[in-house]
């Protein structure tokens, strides 16, 4: 039941993903059946591999959001026209966004390493 439901959402195994995001089944063993990727879910512990892939997708999205905040902070900094409070707020936005970006990248690397070593 779960296998047939999950294989309904499957795509091609060899094709790339949108913006370099991993697929939800990227850590599962899979075969190509009829031109579609058919992930093999053999036990209940494979749910953790799916969860790891979903967490990695969310971390990559958060990294993109952090880059957006860095750009927003830079735009705010450029348009602050020397006002100290706007400049300080923009600088704080940039620093916090860069810290969030570093955390998201490191967490995605750790998740990828752990899930890759489990498979």
C-alpha atoms as a PDB file:
ATOM      1  CA  UNK A   1       0.000   0.000   0.000  1.00  0.00           C
ATOM      2  CA  UNK A   2       2.672   2.507   1.022  1.00  0.00           C
ATOM      3  CA  UNK A   3       4.908   1.392  -1.830  1.00  0.00           C
ATOM      4  CA  UNK A   4       2.237   1.914  -4.475  1.00  0.00           C
ATOM      5  CA  UNK A   5       1.328   5.301  -3.027  1.00  0.00           C
ATOM      6  CA  UNK A   6       4.956   6.465  -2.939  1.00  0.00           C
ATOM      7  CA  UNK A   7       5.774   5.152  -6.395  1.00  0.00           C
ATOM      8  CA  UNK A   8       2.912   7.269  -7.759  1.00  0.00           C
ATOM      9  CA  UNK A   9       4.971  10.392  -7.002  1.00  0.00           C
ATOM     10  CA  UNK A  10       8.232   8.994  -8.394  1.00  0.00           C
ATOM     11  CA  UNK A  11      10.179  10.543 -11.248  1.00  0.00           C
ATOM     12  CA  UNK A  12      13.034   9.456 -13.448  1.00  0.00           C
ATOM     13  CA  UNK A  13      16.057   8.046 -11.532  1.00  0.00           C
ATOM     14  CA  UNK A  14      18.671   9.509 -13.856  1.00  0.00           C
ATOM     15  CA  UNK A  15      17.165  12.978 -14.255  1.00  0.00           C
ATOM     16  CA  UNK A  16      18.298  16.000 -12.298  1.00  0.00           C
ATOM     17  CA  UNK A  17      16.126  17.713  -9.763  1.00  0.00           C
ATOM     18  CA  UNK A  18      14.863  21.265  -9.638  1.00  0.00           C
ATOM     19  CA  UNK A  19      17.570  23.730  -8.499  1.00  0.00           C
ATOM     20  CA  UNK A  20      19.759  20.863  -7.316  1.00  0.00           C
ATOM     21  CA  UNK A  21      17.350  19.802  -4.574  1.00  0.00           C
ATOM     22  CA  UNK A  22      17.457  16.107  -3.737  1.00  0.00           C
ATOM     23  CA  UNK A  23      14.401  13.993  -4.310  1.00  0.00           C
ATOM     24  CA  UNK A  24      12.427  12.595  -1.378  1.00  0.00           C
ATOM     25  CA  UNK A  25      13.707   9.113  -2.232  1.00  0.00           C
ATOM     26  CA  UNK A  26      17.344  10.077  -2.837  1.00  0.00           C
ATOM     27  CA  UNK A  27      18.695   7.836  -0.046  1.00  0.00           C
ATOM     28  CA  UNK A  28      16.550   4.809  -0.939  1.00  0.00           C
ATOM     29  CA  UNK A  29      17.706   2.102  -3.344  1.00  0.00           C
ATOM     30  CA  UNK A  30      15.702   2.427  -6.548  1.00  0.00           C
ATOM     31  CA  UNK A  31      15.246   0.854  -9.951  1.00  0.00           C
ATOM     32  CA  UNK A  32      13.833   2.176 -13.192  1.00  0.00           C
ATOM     33  CA  UNK A  33      10.550   0.538 -14.182  1.00  0.00           C
ATOM     34  CA  UNK A  34       8.783   1.726 -17.309  1.00  0.00           C
ATOM     35  CA  UNK A  35      10.833   4.921 -17.462  1.00  0.00           C
ATOM     36  CA  UNK A  36       9.959   5.884 -13.893  1.00  0.00           C
ATOM     37  CA  UNK A  37      12.063   5.589 -10.798  1.00  0.00           C
ATOM     38  CA  UNK A  38      10.706   2.992  -8.419  1.00  0.00           C
ATOM     39  CA  UNK A  39      12.131   3.438  -4.895  1.00  0.00           C
ATOM     40  CA  UNK A  40      12.443   0.236  -2.900  1.00  0.00           C
ATOM     41  CA  UNK A  41      11.041   0.509   0.623  1.00  0.00           C
ATOM     42  CA  UNK A  42      12.013  -2.703   2.352  1.00  0.00           C
ATOM     43  CA  UNK A  43      11.508  -1.961   6.028  1.00  0.00           C
ATOM     44  CA  UNK A  44      10.066   0.538   8.450  1.00  0.00           C
ATOM     45  CA  UNK A  45      13.548   1.958   9.058  1.00  0.00           C
ATOM     46  CA  UNK A  46      13.537   3.322   5.498  1.00  0.00           C
ATOM     47  CA  UNK A  47      11.137   6.000   6.747  1.00  0.00           C
ATOM     48  CA  UNK A  48      14.149   7.615   8.456  1.00  0.00           C
ATOM     49  CA  UNK A  49      15.904   7.860   5.089  1.00  0.00           C
ATOM     50  CA  UNK A  50      12.869   9.576   3.601  1.00  0.00           C
ATOM     51  CA  UNK A  51      12.755  11.935   6.592  1.00  0.00           C
ATOM     52  CA  UNK A  52      16.467  12.719   6.129  1.00  0.00           C
ATOM     53  CA  UNK A  53      15.875  13.611   2.481  1.00  0.00           C
ATOM     54  CA  UNK A  54      12.931  15.849   3.391  1.00  0.00           C
ATOM     55  CA  UNK A  55      14.982  17.551   6.118  1.00  0.00           C
ATOM     56  CA  UNK A  56      17.781  18.140   3.604  1.00  0.00           C
ATOM     57  CA  UNK A  57      15.300  19.703   1.171  1.00  0.00           C
ATOM     58  CA  UNK A  58      13.998  22.007   3.908  1.00  0.00           C
ATOM     59  CA  UNK A  59      17.551  22.984   4.913  1.00  0.00           C
ATOM     60  CA  UNK A  60      18.385  23.878   1.329  1.00  0.00           C
ATOM     61  CA  UNK A  61      15.231  26.001   1.130  1.00  0.00           C
ATOM     62  CA  UNK A  62      16.240  27.758   4.361  1.00  0.00           C
ATOM     63  CA  UNK A  63      19.673  28.454   2.848  1.00  0.00           C
ATOM     64  CA  UNK A  64      17.973  30.123  -0.121  1.00  0.00           C
ATOM     65  CA  UNK A  65      15.840  32.189   2.257  1.00  0.00           C
ATOM     66  CA  UNK A  66      19.004  33.226   4.125  1.00  0.00           C
ATOM     67  CA  UNK A  67      20.578  34.365   0.843  1.00  0.00           C
ATOM     68  CA  UNK A  68      17.437  36.407   0.209  1.00  0.00           C
ATOM     69  CA  UNK A  69      17.804  38.043   3.621  1.00  0.00           C
ATOM     70  CA  UNK A  70      21.460  38.854   2.898  1.00  0.00           C
ATOM     71  CA  UNK A  71      20.353  40.580  -0.306  1.00  0.00           C
ATOM     72  CA  UNK A  72      17.577  42.395   1.556  1.00  0.00           C
ATOM     73  CA  UNK A  73      20.031  43.529   4.227  1.00  0.00           C
ATOM     74  CA  UNK A  74      22.455  44.734   1.570  1.00  0.00           C
ATOM     75  CA  UNK A  75      19.717  46.688  -0.181  1.00  0.00           C
ATOM     76  CA  UNK A  76      18.628  48.196   3.130  1.00  0.00           C
ATOM     77  CA  UNK A  77      22.257  49.080   3.904  1.00  0.00           C
ATOM     78  CA  UNK A  78      22.693  50.806   0.535  1.00  0.00           C
ATOM     79  CA  UNK A  79      19.496  52.808   0.910  1.00  0.00           C
ATOM     80  CA  UNK A  80      20.059  53.785   4.559  1.00  0.00           C
ATOM     81  CA  UNK A  81      21.717  57.049   3.427  1.00  0.00           C
ATOM     82  CA  UNK A  82      23.979  57.142   6.441  1.00  0.00           C
ATOM     83  CA  UNK A  83      21.227  57.004   9.065  1.00  0.00           C
ATOM     84  CA  UNK A  84      22.805  55.169  12.014  1.00  0.00           C
ATOM     85  CA  UNK A  85      19.708  53.238  13.095  1.00  0.00           C
ATOM     86  CA  UNK A  86      18.940  51.962   9.571  1.00  0.00           C
ATOM     87  CA  UNK A  87      22.584  51.095   8.987  1.00  0.00           C
ATOM     88  CA  UNK A  88      22.778  49.163  12.258  1.00  0.00           C
ATOM     89  CA  UNK A  89      19.541  47.306  11.495  1.00  0.00           C
ATOM     90  CA  UNK A  90      20.792  46.388   8.017  1.00  0.00           C
ATOM     91  CA  UNK A  91      24.126  45.203   9.390  1.00  0.00           C
ATOM     92  CA  UNK A  92      22.337  43.066  12.000  1.00  0.00           C
ATOM     93  CA  UNK A  93      20.125  41.562   9.279  1.00  0.00           C
ATOM     94  CA  UNK A  94      23.161  40.665   7.178  1.00  0.00           C
ATOM     95  CA  UNK A  95      25.072  39.133  10.092  1.00  0.00           C
ATOM     96  CA  UNK A  96      22.077  37.092  11.269  1.00  0.00           C
ATOM     97  CA  UNK A  97      21.320  35.896   7.738  1.00  0.00           C
ATOM     98  CA  UNK A  98      24.936  34.832   7.214  1.00  0.00           C
ATOM     99  CA  UNK A  99      24.886  32.957  10.518  1.00  0.00           C
ATOM    100  CA  UNK A 100      21.665  31.207   9.472  1.00  0.00           C
ATOM    101  CA  UNK A 101      23.193  30.373   6.100  1.00  0.00           C
ATOM    102  CA  UNK A 102      26.242  28.782   7.725  1.00  0.00           C
ATOM    103  CA  UNK A 103      24.056  26.749  10.095  1.00  0.00           C
ATOM    104  CA  UNK A 104      21.803  25.572   7.241  1.00  0.00           C
ATOM    105  CA  UNK A 105      24.761  24.546   5.066  1.00  0.00           C
ATOM    106  CA  UNK A 106      26.496  22.696   7.893  1.00  0.00           C
ATOM    107  CA  UNK A 107      23.275  20.942   8.907  1.00  0.00           C
ATOM    108  CA  UNK A 108      22.604  19.868   5.300  1.00  0.00           C
ATOM    109  CA  UNK A 109      26.138  18.464   5.066  1.00  0.00           C
ATOM    110  CA  UNK A 110      25.711  16.542   8.318  1.00  0.00           C
ATOM    111  CA  UNK A 111      22.311  15.146   7.270  1.00  0.00           C
ATOM    112  CA  UNK A 112      23.723  14.138   3.885  1.00  0.00           C
ATOM    113  CA  UNK A 113      26.697  12.429   5.516  1.00  0.00           C
ATOM    114  CA  UNK A 114      24.604  10.548   8.078  1.00  0.00           C
ATOM    115  CA  UNK A 115      21.936   9.450   5.597  1.00  0.00           C
ATOM    116  CA  UNK A 116      24.579   8.544   3.016  1.00  0.00           C
ATOM    117  CA  UNK A 117      26.441   6.351   5.465  1.00  0.00           C
ATOM    118  CA  UNK A 118      23.245   4.537   6.491  1.00  0.00           C
ATOM    119  CA  UNK A 119      22.391   3.471   2.941  1.00  0.00           C
END
